[in-house]
Amino acid sequence: MSWLKEVIGTEKAIIAMCHMQAMPGDPGYDGQKGMDWVIKKMYDDLIALQNGGVDSVMFSNEFSLPYMTKVDTITVASMATAIGELKRYIKIPFGVNVLWDGEKTLDLAKACGADFVREIYSGVYASDFGMWNTDFGRVARHRKSIDAGNVKLIFNILPEAAKYLADRDIVEIAKSTVFNCKADALCVSGLTAGSETNSQILKRVKDAVPDTVVLANTGCRPDTIEAQLSVADGAVVGTTFKVDGKFENGVDEKRVREFMSIVKKFRGQD
């Protein structure tokens, strides 16, 4: 039994993304609508996800495009404000992700009482956002200093819109990440949000680290989720749950229910 059962309540868990709108300071932030609108959109998506039956939810500043590897304080403060406003409505375990800043993600998790985080914590990449060099040794010490040791760390080892600079095989990356960083889980992604996670790559990673939770991180759809869950320990799902399956839209509760009915049947719950 993995920590998914302990923290989220089930194996083969579905972590649903609650994509937050652009924050103050972001290029896409709408100053006329303001933070009240951001929080309302977040509330609508949260309720639709919970009513649809997902196992847990992860809040991320997905619309803070283009992303930064050193995030401004205003972004974290705005995310904390929004999550704090909605905390009383959150009925399931939750995590956070401040794209793409590992320390700020842990700060937010500690402040809001999140159960887990997802981030790019290891590796050096050439990305759409420039050269991307992580420093998990520093992040691990920051985690210790803020007493966030209970927050589970989900490592995305195949980040979207980026490629490892070194010519390293995914199995080698998975094994060394678990050994050196003590990752609680590994995420395997497609090229962009909504892109299907390759099942063969998922299997190679899971076979390499059988005692570590491995999650499919992108492109989980009703027609692919059973195959992915037959290999992975769970999945992070975002775009599939949205109106017409489009990234920029809000969550469609009917799509969530239909997806989760497939998952629950796969888990033998129906």
C-alpha atoms as a PDB file:
ATOM      1  CA  MET A   1       0.000   0.000   0.000  1.00  0.00           C
ATOM      2  CA  SER A   2       1.395   3.399  -0.995  1.00  0.00           C
ATOM      3  CA  TRP A   3       1.059   6.809   0.659  1.00  0.00           C
ATOM      4  CA  LEU A   4      -1.775   7.562  -1.795  1.00  0.00           C
ATOM      5  CA  LYS A   5      -4.076   5.406   0.316  1.00  0.00           C
ATOM      6  CA  GLU A   6      -2.976   7.111   3.522  1.00  0.00           C
ATOM      7  CA  VAL A   7      -3.095  10.717   2.261  1.00  0.00           C
ATOM      8  CA  ILE A   8      -5.702  10.687  -0.511  1.00  0.00           C
ATOM      9  CA  GLY A   9      -7.744   7.679   0.562  1.00  0.00           C
ATOM     10  CA  THR A  10      -7.328   5.339  -2.390  1.00  0.00           C
ATOM     11  CA  GLU A  11      -4.828   3.635  -4.637  1.00  0.00           C
ATOM     12  CA  LYS A  12      -5.046   4.505  -8.354  1.00  0.00           C
ATOM     13  CA  ALA A  13      -5.889   8.023  -7.197  1.00  0.00           C
ATOM     14  CA  ILE A  14      -7.048  10.834  -9.463  1.00  0.00           C
ATOM     15  CA  ILE A  15      -5.547  14.220  -8.630  1.00  0.00           C
ATOM     16  CA  ALA A  16      -7.640  16.840 -10.426  1.00  0.00           C
ATOM     17  CA  MET A  17      -6.121  20.160 -11.445  1.00  0.00           C
ATOM     18  CA  CYS A  18      -7.835  23.362 -10.379  1.00  0.00           C
ATOM     19  CA  HIS A  19      -6.197  25.824 -12.754  1.00  0.00           C
ATOM     20  CA  MET A  20      -6.123  29.317 -11.308  1.00  0.00           C
ATOM     21  CA  GLN A  21      -6.524  32.313 -13.593  1.00  0.00           C
ATOM     22  CA  ALA A  22      -3.689  34.784 -14.150  1.00  0.00           C
ATOM     23  CA  MET A  23      -2.529  36.433 -10.922  1.00  0.00           C
ATOM     24  CA  PRO A  24      -1.746  40.111 -10.270  1.00  0.00           C
ATOM     25  CA  GLY A  25       1.555  40.846 -11.996  1.00  0.00           C
ATOM     26  CA  ASP A  26       1.002  38.221 -14.707  1.00  0.00           C
ATOM     27  CA  PRO A  27       0.705  39.450 -18.309  1.00  0.00           C
ATOM     28  CA  GLY A  28      -2.776  37.926 -18.574  1.00  0.00           C
ATOM     29  CA  TYR A  29      -4.180  39.338 -15.334  1.00  0.00           C
ATOM     30  CA  ASP A  30      -7.476  41.205 -15.776  1.00  0.00           C
ATOM     31  CA  GLY A  31      -7.248  44.212 -13.447  1.00  0.00           C
ATOM     32  CA  GLN A  32     -10.857  45.221 -14.079  1.00  0.00           C
ATOM     33  CA  LYS A  33     -12.258  41.862 -12.977  1.00  0.00           C
ATOM     34  CA  GLY A  34      -9.718  41.636 -10.157  1.00  0.00           C
ATOM     35  CA  MET A  35      -9.058  38.892  -7.616  1.00  0.00           C
ATOM     36  CA  ASP A  36     -12.744  38.426  -6.811  1.00  0.00           C
ATOM     37  CA  TRP A  37     -13.239  37.071 -10.340  1.00  0.00           C
ATOM     38  CA  VAL A  38     -10.159  34.837 -10.027  1.00  0.00           C
ATOM     39  CA  ILE A  39     -11.529  33.374  -6.798  1.00  0.00           C
ATOM     40  CA  LYS A  40     -15.043  32.913  -8.269  1.00  0.00           C
ATOM     41  CA  LYS A  41     -13.657  30.983 -11.261  1.00  0.00           C
ATOM     42  CA  MET A  42     -11.583  28.868  -8.899  1.00  0.00           C
ATOM     43  CA  TYR A  43     -14.622  28.199  -6.698  1.00  0.00           C
ATOM     44  CA  ASP A  44     -16.731  27.089  -9.687  1.00  0.00           C
ATOM     45  CA  ASP A  45     -14.045  24.644 -10.817  1.00  0.00           C
ATOM     46  CA  LEU A  46     -13.449  23.302  -7.301  1.00  0.00           C
ATOM     47  CA  ILE A  47     -17.149  22.570  -6.721  1.00  0.00           C
ATOM     48  CA  ALA A  48     -17.510  20.915 -10.136  1.00  0.00           C
ATOM     49  CA  LEU A  49     -14.492  18.694  -9.471  1.00  0.00           C
ATOM     50  CA  GLN A  50     -15.665  17.698  -6.001  1.00  0.00           C
ATOM     51  CA  ASN A  51     -19.248  17.059  -7.133  1.00  0.00           C
ATOM     52  CA  GLY A  52     -17.853  15.011 -10.008  1.00  0.00           C
ATOM     53  CA  GLY A  53     -16.157  12.664  -7.552  1.00  0.00           C
ATOM     54  CA  VAL A  54     -12.410  13.248  -7.922  1.00  0.00           C
ATOM     55  CA  ASP A  55     -10.156  11.910  -5.165  1.00  0.00           C
ATOM     56  CA  SER A  56      -8.110  15.064  -4.602  1.00  0.00           C
ATOM     57  CA  VAL A  57      -7.384  18.442  -6.127  1.00  0.00           C
ATOM     58  CA  MET A  58      -4.245  20.422  -6.883  1.00  0.00           C
ATOM     59  CA  PHE A  59      -4.264  24.201  -7.212  1.00  0.00           C
ATOM     60  CA  SER A  60      -1.797  25.695  -9.680  1.00  0.00           C
ATOM     61  CA  ASN A  61      -1.254  29.072 -11.333  1.00  0.00           C
ATOM     62  CA  GLU A  62      -1.664  27.480 -14.750  1.00  0.00           C
ATOM     63  CA  PHE A  63      -2.635  30.739 -16.463  1.00  0.00           C
ATOM     64  CA  SER A  64       0.431  32.633 -15.235  1.00  0.00           C
ATOM     65  CA  LEU A  65       1.940  32.258 -18.707  1.00  0.00           C
ATOM     66  CA  PRO A  66       4.766  32.572 -19.543  1.00  0.00           C
ATOM     67  CA  TYR A  67       6.027  30.758 -16.443  1.00  0.00           C
ATOM     68  CA  MET A  68       8.948  31.780 -14.258  1.00  0.00           C
ATOM     69  CA  THR A  69      11.497  29.623 -12.456  1.00  0.00           C
ATOM     70  CA  LYS A  70      11.857  32.296  -9.757  1.00  0.00           C
ATOM     71  CA  VAL A  71       8.331  33.414  -9.005  1.00  0.00           C
ATOM     72  CA  ASP A  72       7.485  36.889  -7.696  1.00  0.00           C
ATOM     73  CA  THR A  73       6.092  37.233  -4.178  1.00  0.00           C
ATOM     74  CA  ILE A  74       2.825  38.735  -5.475  1.00  0.00           C
ATOM     75  CA  THR A  75       2.008  35.439  -7.225  1.00  0.00           C
ATOM     76  CA  VAL A  76       2.378  33.349  -4.066  1.00  0.00           C
ATOM     77  CA  ALA A  77       0.524  35.930  -1.976  1.00  0.00           C
ATOM     78  CA  SER A  78      -2.361  35.953  -4.469  1.00  0.00           C
ATOM     79  CA  MET A  79      -2.542  32.165  -4.589  1.00  0.00           C
ATOM     80  CA  ALA A  80      -2.515  31.963  -0.792  1.00  0.00           C
ATOM     81  CA  THR A  81      -5.299  34.540  -0.604  1.00  0.00           C
ATOM     82  CA  ALA A  82      -7.458  32.624  -3.072  1.00  0.00           C
ATOM     83  CA  ILE A  83      -6.918  29.234  -1.429  1.00  0.00           C
ATOM     84  CA  GLY A  84      -7.528  30.767   1.983  1.00  0.00           C
ATOM     85  CA  GLU A  85     -10.841  32.213   0.796  1.00  0.00           C
ATOM     86  CA  LEU A  86     -11.937  28.787  -0.448  1.00  0.00           C
ATOM     87  CA  LYS A  87     -10.463  26.618   2.302  1.00  0.00           C
ATOM     88  CA  ARG A  88     -13.840  26.065   3.964  1.00  0.00           C
ATOM     89  CA  TYR A  89     -15.209  24.621   0.715  1.00  0.00           C
ATOM     90  CA  ILE A  90     -12.365  22.131   0.166  1.00  0.00           C
ATOM     91  CA  LYS A  91     -13.699  18.707   1.197  1.00  0.00           C
ATOM     92  CA  ILE A  92     -10.967  16.464  -0.234  1.00  0.00           C
ATOM     93  CA  PRO A  93      -7.167  16.269   0.172  1.00  0.00           C
ATOM     94  CA  PHE A  94      -5.358  18.971  -1.801  1.00  0.00           C
ATOM     95  CA  GLY A  95      -1.978  19.969  -3.119  1.00  0.00           C
ATOM     96  CA  VAL A  96      -0.395  23.053  -4.683  1.00  0.00           C
ATOM     97  CA  ASN A  97       2.020  23.878  -7.495  1.00  0.00           C
ATOM     98  CA  VAL A  98       3.569  27.330  -8.021  1.00  0.00           C
ATOM     99  CA  LEU A  99       4.860  27.081 -11.565  1.00  0.00           C
ATOM    100  CA  TRP A 100       7.908  26.619 -11.717  1.00  0.00           C
ATOM    101  CA  ASP A 101       9.415  27.498  -8.345  1.00  0.00           C
ATOM    102  CA  GLY A 102      10.096  24.645  -5.929  1.00  0.00           C
ATOM    103  CA  GLU A 103      10.748  26.740  -2.831  1.00  0.00           C
ATOM    104  CA  LYS A 104       7.712  28.972  -3.351  1.00  0.00           C
ATOM    105  CA  THR A 105       5.574  25.882  -3.884  1.00  0.00           C
ATOM    106  CA  LEU A 106       6.609  24.539  -0.490  1.00  0.00           C
ATOM    107  CA  ASP A 107       6.029  27.954   1.123  1.00  0.00           C
ATOM    108  CA  LEU A 108       2.476  27.965  -0.234  1.00  0.00           C
ATOM    109  CA  ALA A 109       1.884  24.376   0.864  1.00  0.00           C
ATOM    110  CA  LYS A 110       3.011  25.114   4.390  1.00  0.00           C
ATOM    111  CA  ALA A 111       0.940  28.296   4.628  1.00  0.00           C
ATOM    112  CA  CYS A 112      -2.236  26.673   3.281  1.00  0.00           C
ATOM    113  CA  GLY A 113      -1.937  23.237   4.866  1.00  0.00           C
ATOM    114  CA  ALA A 114      -1.576  21.333   1.588  1.00  0.00           C
ATOM    115  CA  ASP A 115      -0.980  17.582   1.667  1.00  0.00           C
ATOM    116  CA  PHE A 116       1.341  17.400  -1.345  1.00  0.00           C
ATOM    117  CA  VAL A 117       3.143  19.438  -3.984  1.00  0.00           C
ATOM    118  CA  ARG A 118       4.178  18.831  -7.578  1.00  0.00           C
ATOM    119  CA  GLU A 119       7.195  20.557  -9.078  1.00  0.00           C
ATOM    120  CA  ILE A 120      10.277  20.276 -11.285  1.00  0.00           C
ATOM    121  CA  TYR A 121      12.738  19.576  -8.492  1.00  0.00           C
ATOM    122  CA  SER A 122      15.607  17.872 -10.299  1.00  0.00           C
ATOM    123  CA  GLY A 123      17.504  18.112 -13.578  1.00  0.00           C
ATOM    124  CA  VAL A 124      18.778  20.773 -15.980  1.00  0.00           C
ATOM    125  CA  TYR A 125      16.659  21.612 -19.019  1.00  0.00           C
ATOM    126  CA  ALA A 126      16.459  23.631 -22.202  1.00  0.00           C
ATOM    127  CA  SER A 127      12.908  24.999 -22.094  1.00  0.00           C
ATOM    128  CA  ASP A 128      10.525  27.521 -23.611  1.00  0.00           C
ATOM    129  CA  PHE A 129      11.304  29.617 -20.527  1.00  0.00           C
ATOM    130  CA  GLY A 130      15.081  29.559 -21.022  1.00  0.00           C
ATOM    131  CA  MET A 131      17.794  27.510 -19.350  1.00  0.00           C
ATOM    132  CA  TRP A 132      16.252  25.757 -16.397  1.00  0.00           C
ATOM    133  CA  ASN A 133      18.602  24.654 -13.635  1.00  0.00           C
ATOM    134  CA  THR A 134      17.143  23.157 -10.466  1.00  0.00           C
ATOM    135  CA  ASP A 135      18.820  22.896  -7.066  1.00  0.00           C
ATOM    136  CA  PHE A 136      16.991  20.312  -4.984  1.00  0.00           C
ATOM    137  CA  GLY A 137      19.672  20.266  -2.300  1.00  0.00           C
ATOM    138  CA  ARG A 138      18.727  23.835  -1.470  1.00  0.00           C
ATOM    139  CA  VAL A 139      14.988  23.091  -1.735  1.00  0.00           C
ATOM    140  CA  ALA A 140      15.339  20.095   0.611  1.00  0.00           C
ATOM    141  CA  ARG A 141      17.038  22.283   3.198  1.00  0.00           C
ATOM    142  CA  HIS A 142      14.363  24.959   2.777  1.00  0.00           C
ATOM    143  CA  ARG A 143      11.712  22.292   3.334  1.00  0.00           C
ATOM    144  CA  LYS A 144      13.427  21.337   6.572  1.00  0.00           C
ATOM    145  CA  SER A 145      13.740  24.960   7.711  1.00  0.00           C
ATOM    146  CA  ILE A 146      10.011  25.664   7.306  1.00  0.00           C
ATOM    147  CA  ASP A 147       8.995  22.327   8.895  1.00  0.00           C
ATOM    148  CA  ALA A 148       7.254  21.021   5.772  1.00  0.00           C
ATOM    149  CA  GLY A 149       8.525  17.464   6.077  1.00  0.00           C
ATOM    150  CA  ASN A 150       4.986  16.088   6.097  1.00  0.00           C
ATOM    151  CA  VAL A 151       4.236  17.543   2.644  1.00  0.00           C
ATOM    152  CA  LYS A 152       4.589  14.822   0.008  1.00  0.00           C
ATOM    153  CA  LEU A 153       6.896  15.721  -2.889  1.00  0.00           C
ATOM    154  CA  ILE A 154       5.796  14.775  -6.402  1.00  0.00           C
ATOM    155  CA  PHE A 155       8.689  15.142  -8.847  1.00  0.00           C
ATOM    156  CA  ASN A 156       7.876  15.841 -12.488  1.00  0.00           C
ATOM    157  CA  ILE A 157      10.795  14.125 -14.241  1.00  0.00           C
ATOM    158  CA  LEU A 158       9.583  14.817 -17.787  1.00  0.00           C
ATOM    159  CA  PRO A 159       8.509  18.461 -17.634  1.00  0.00           C
ATOM    160  CA  GLU A 160       6.287  19.926 -20.314  1.00  0.00           C
ATOM    161  CA  ALA A 161       7.893  22.276 -22.859  1.00  0.00           C
ATOM    162  CA  ALA A 162      11.410  21.256 -21.795  1.00  0.00           C
ATOM    163  CA  LYS A 163      14.096  18.685 -22.552  1.00  0.00           C
ATOM    164  CA  TYR A 164      16.878  17.286 -20.395  1.00  0.00           C
ATOM    165  CA  LEU A 165      20.201  18.820 -21.466  1.00  0.00           C
ATOM    166  CA  ALA A 166      22.168  15.638 -20.801  1.00  0.00           C
ATOM    167  CA  ASP A 167      21.537  12.534 -22.886  1.00  0.00           C
ATOM    168  CA  ARG A 168      20.074  10.478 -20.045  1.00  0.00           C
ATOM    169  CA  ASP A 169      17.644   7.605 -20.320  1.00  0.00           C
ATOM    170  CA  ILE A 170      14.347   7.968 -18.450  1.00  0.00           C
ATOM    171  CA  VAL A 171      15.080   4.838 -16.395  1.00  0.00           C
ATOM    172  CA  GLU A 172      18.406   6.291 -15.268  1.00  0.00           C
ATOM    173  CA  ILE A 173      16.695   9.563 -14.356  1.00  0.00           C
ATOM    174  CA  ALA A 174      13.963   7.780 -12.379  1.00  0.00           C
ATOM    175  CA  LYS A 175      16.384   5.632 -10.404  1.00  0.00           C
ATOM    176  CA  SER A 176      18.807   8.440  -9.547  1.00  0.00           C
ATOM    177  CA  THR A 177      16.006  10.853  -8.630  1.00  0.00           C
ATOM    178  CA  VAL A 178      14.515   8.386  -6.162  1.00  0.00           C
ATOM    179  CA  PHE A 179      17.923   7.502  -4.703  1.00  0.00           C
ATOM    180  CA  ASN A 180      19.321  11.027  -4.403  1.00  0.00           C
ATOM    181  CA  CYS A 181      16.183  13.031  -3.671  1.00  0.00           C
ATOM    182  CA  LYS A 182      13.895  10.561  -1.871  1.00  0.00           C
ATOM    183  CA  ALA A 183      10.974  11.541  -4.087  1.00  0.00           C
ATOM    184  CA  ASP A 184       7.542  10.526  -2.800  1.00  0.00           C
ATOM    185  CA  ALA A 185       6.261  10.200  -6.369  1.00  0.00           C
ATOM    186  CA  LEU A 186       7.378  10.652  -9.954  1.00  0.00           C
ATOM    187  CA  CYS A 187       5.256  12.277 -12.667  1.00  0.00           C
ATOM    188  CA  VAL A 188       5.618  11.336 -16.328  1.00  0.00           C
ATOM    189  CA  SER A 189       4.283  13.920 -18.792  1.00  0.00           C
ATOM    190  CA  GLY A 190       3.567  14.526 -22.447  1.00  0.00           C
ATOM    191  CA  LEU A 191       4.959  17.507 -24.363  1.00  0.00           C
ATOM    192  CA  THR A 192       2.310  20.028 -23.256  1.00  0.00           C
ATOM    193  CA  ALA A 193      -0.743  20.205 -21.011  1.00  0.00           C
ATOM    194  CA  GLY A 194      -3.297  17.797 -22.469  1.00  0.00           C
ATOM    195  CA  SER A 195      -0.721  15.761 -24.418  1.00  0.00           C
ATOM    196  CA  GLU A 196      -1.015  12.031 -23.794  1.00  0.00           C
ATOM    197  CA  THR A 197       1.500  10.425 -21.460  1.00  0.00           C
ATOM    198  CA  ASN A 198       3.233   7.569 -23.283  1.00  0.00           C
ATOM    199  CA  SER A 199       2.181   4.273 -21.639  1.00  0.00           C
ATOM    200  CA  GLN A 200       5.424   2.575 -22.643  1.00  0.00           C
ATOM    201  CA  ILE A 201       7.456   5.281 -20.903  1.00  0.00           C
ATOM    202  CA  LEU A 202       5.186   4.960 -17.867  1.00  0.00           C
ATOM    203  CA  LYS A 203       5.886   1.231 -17.725  1.00  0.00           C
ATOM    204  CA  ARG A 204       9.644   1.698 -18.022  1.00  0.00           C
ATOM    205  CA  VAL A 205       9.607   4.190 -15.160  1.00  0.00           C
ATOM    206  CA  LYS A 206       7.377   2.058 -12.925  1.00  0.00           C
ATOM    207  CA  ASP A 207       9.461  -1.050 -13.575  1.00  0.00           C
ATOM    208  CA  ALA A 208      12.597   0.923 -12.657  1.00  0.00           C
ATOM    209  CA  VAL A 209      11.206   2.190  -9.324  1.00  0.00           C
ATOM    210  CA  PRO A 210       8.521  -0.324  -8.281  1.00  0.00           C
ATOM    211  CA  ASP A 211       8.386   0.929  -4.675  1.00  0.00           C
ATOM    212  CA  THR A 212       7.812   4.575  -5.650  1.00  0.00           C
ATOM    213  CA  VAL A 213       4.468   6.082  -6.690  1.00  0.00           C
ATOM    214  CA  VAL A 214       4.417   6.851 -10.432  1.00  0.00           C
ATOM    215  CA  LEU A 215       1.733   9.136 -11.872  1.00  0.00           C
ATOM    216  CA  ALA A 216       0.572   9.825 -15.417  1.00  0.00           C
ATOM    217  CA  ASN A 217       0.759  13.609 -15.532  1.00  0.00           C
ATOM    218  CA  THR A 218      -0.891  14.751 -18.787  1.00  0.00           C
ATOM    219  CA  GLY A 219      -3.332  13.646 -21.470  1.00  0.00           C
ATOM    220  CA  CYS A 220      -5.453  11.315 -19.349  1.00  0.00           C
ATOM    221  CA  ARG A 221      -8.746  10.850 -21.186  1.00  0.00           C
ATOM    222  CA  PRO A 222     -11.709   8.470 -20.876  1.00  0.00           C
ATOM    223  CA  ASP A 223     -10.290   6.333 -23.701  1.00  0.00           C
ATOM    224  CA  THR A 224      -6.761   6.169 -22.225  1.00  0.00           C
ATOM    225  CA  ILE A 225      -7.141   6.228 -18.447  1.00  0.00           C
ATOM    226  CA  GLU A 226      -7.663   2.482 -17.940  1.00  0.00           C
ATOM    227  CA  ALA A 227      -4.496   1.659 -19.871  1.00  0.00           C
ATOM    228  CA  GLN A 228      -2.566   4.294 -17.951  1.00  0.00           C
ATOM    229  CA  LEU A 229      -3.853   3.163 -14.557  1.00  0.00           C
ATOM    230  CA  SER A 230      -2.985  -0.427 -15.390  1.00  0.00           C
ATOM    231  CA  VAL A 231       0.637   0.760 -15.211  1.00  0.00           C
ATOM    232  CA  ALA A 232       0.672   3.945 -13.136  1.00  0.00           C
ATOM    233  CA  ASP A 233      -0.339   4.298  -9.488  1.00  0.00           C
ATOM    234  CA  GLY A 234      -2.561   7.266 -10.267  1.00  0.00           C
ATOM    235  CA  ALA A 235      -2.996  10.244 -12.541  1.00  0.00           C
ATOM    236  CA  VAL A 236      -3.008  14.019 -12.566  1.00  0.00           C
ATOM    237  CA  VAL A 237      -5.932  15.208 -14.697  1.00  0.00           C
ATOM    238  CA  GLY A 238      -6.696  18.712 -15.920  1.00  0.00           C
ATOM    239  CA  THR A 239      -7.676  19.451 -19.516  1.00  0.00           C
ATOM    240  CA  THR A 240      -9.919  16.391 -19.890  1.00  0.00           C
ATOM    241  CA  PHE A 241     -12.268  17.746 -17.227  1.00  0.00           C
ATOM    242  CA  LYS A 242     -12.850  21.061 -18.997  1.00  0.00           C
ATOM    243  CA  VAL A 243     -15.708  22.143 -21.240  1.00  0.00           C
ATOM    244  CA  ASP A 244     -15.109  20.588 -24.674  1.00  0.00           C
ATOM    245  CA  GLY A 245     -11.777  19.278 -23.374  1.00  0.00           C
ATOM    246  CA  LYS A 246     -10.103  22.635 -24.017  1.00  0.00           C
ATOM    247  CA  PHE A 247      -7.356  23.936 -21.735  1.00  0.00           C
ATOM    248  CA  GLU A 248      -8.670  27.506 -21.541  1.00  0.00           C
ATOM    249  CA  ASN A 249     -12.206  26.527 -20.455  1.00  0.00           C
ATOM    250  CA  GLY A 250     -13.717  25.927 -17.043  1.00  0.00           C
ATOM    251  CA  VAL A 251     -14.463  22.512 -15.529  1.00  0.00           C
ATOM    252  CA  ASP A 252     -17.474  20.560 -16.838  1.00  0.00           C
ATOM    253  CA  GLU A 253     -18.974  18.539 -13.972  1.00  0.00           C
ATOM    254  CA  LYS A 254     -20.623  16.077 -16.375  1.00  0.00           C
ATOM    255  CA  ARG A 255     -17.252  15.257 -17.962  1.00  0.00           C
ATOM    256  CA  VAL A 256     -15.769  14.755 -14.501  1.00  0.00           C
ATOM    257  CA  ARG A 257     -18.538  12.339 -13.492  1.00  0.00           C
ATOM    258  CA  GLU A 258     -18.194  10.326 -16.690  1.00  0.00           C
ATOM    259  CA  PHE A 259     -14.421  10.075 -16.313  1.00  0.00           C
ATOM    260  CA  MET A 260     -14.599   9.120 -12.652  1.00  0.00           C
ATOM    261  CA  SER A 261     -17.203   6.435 -13.346  1.00  0.00           C
ATOM    262  CA  ILE A 262     -14.624   4.740 -15.603  1.00  0.00           C
ATOM    263  CA  VAL A 263     -11.963   5.072 -12.905  1.00  0.00           C
ATOM    264  CA  LYS A 264     -14.214   3.716 -10.157  1.00  0.00           C
ATOM    265  CA  LYS A 265     -15.225   0.773 -12.310  1.00  0.00           C
ATOM    266  CA  PHE A 266     -11.525   0.093 -12.979  1.00  0.00           C
ATOM    267  CA  ARG A 267     -10.904   0.172  -9.217  1.00  0.00           C
ATOM    268  CA  GLY A 268     -13.789  -2.225  -8.640  1.00  0.00           C
ATOM    269  CA  GLN A 269     -15.901   0.357  -6.811  1.00  0.00           C
ATOM    270  CA  ASP A 270     -18.966   0.133  -9.078  1.00  0.00           C
END
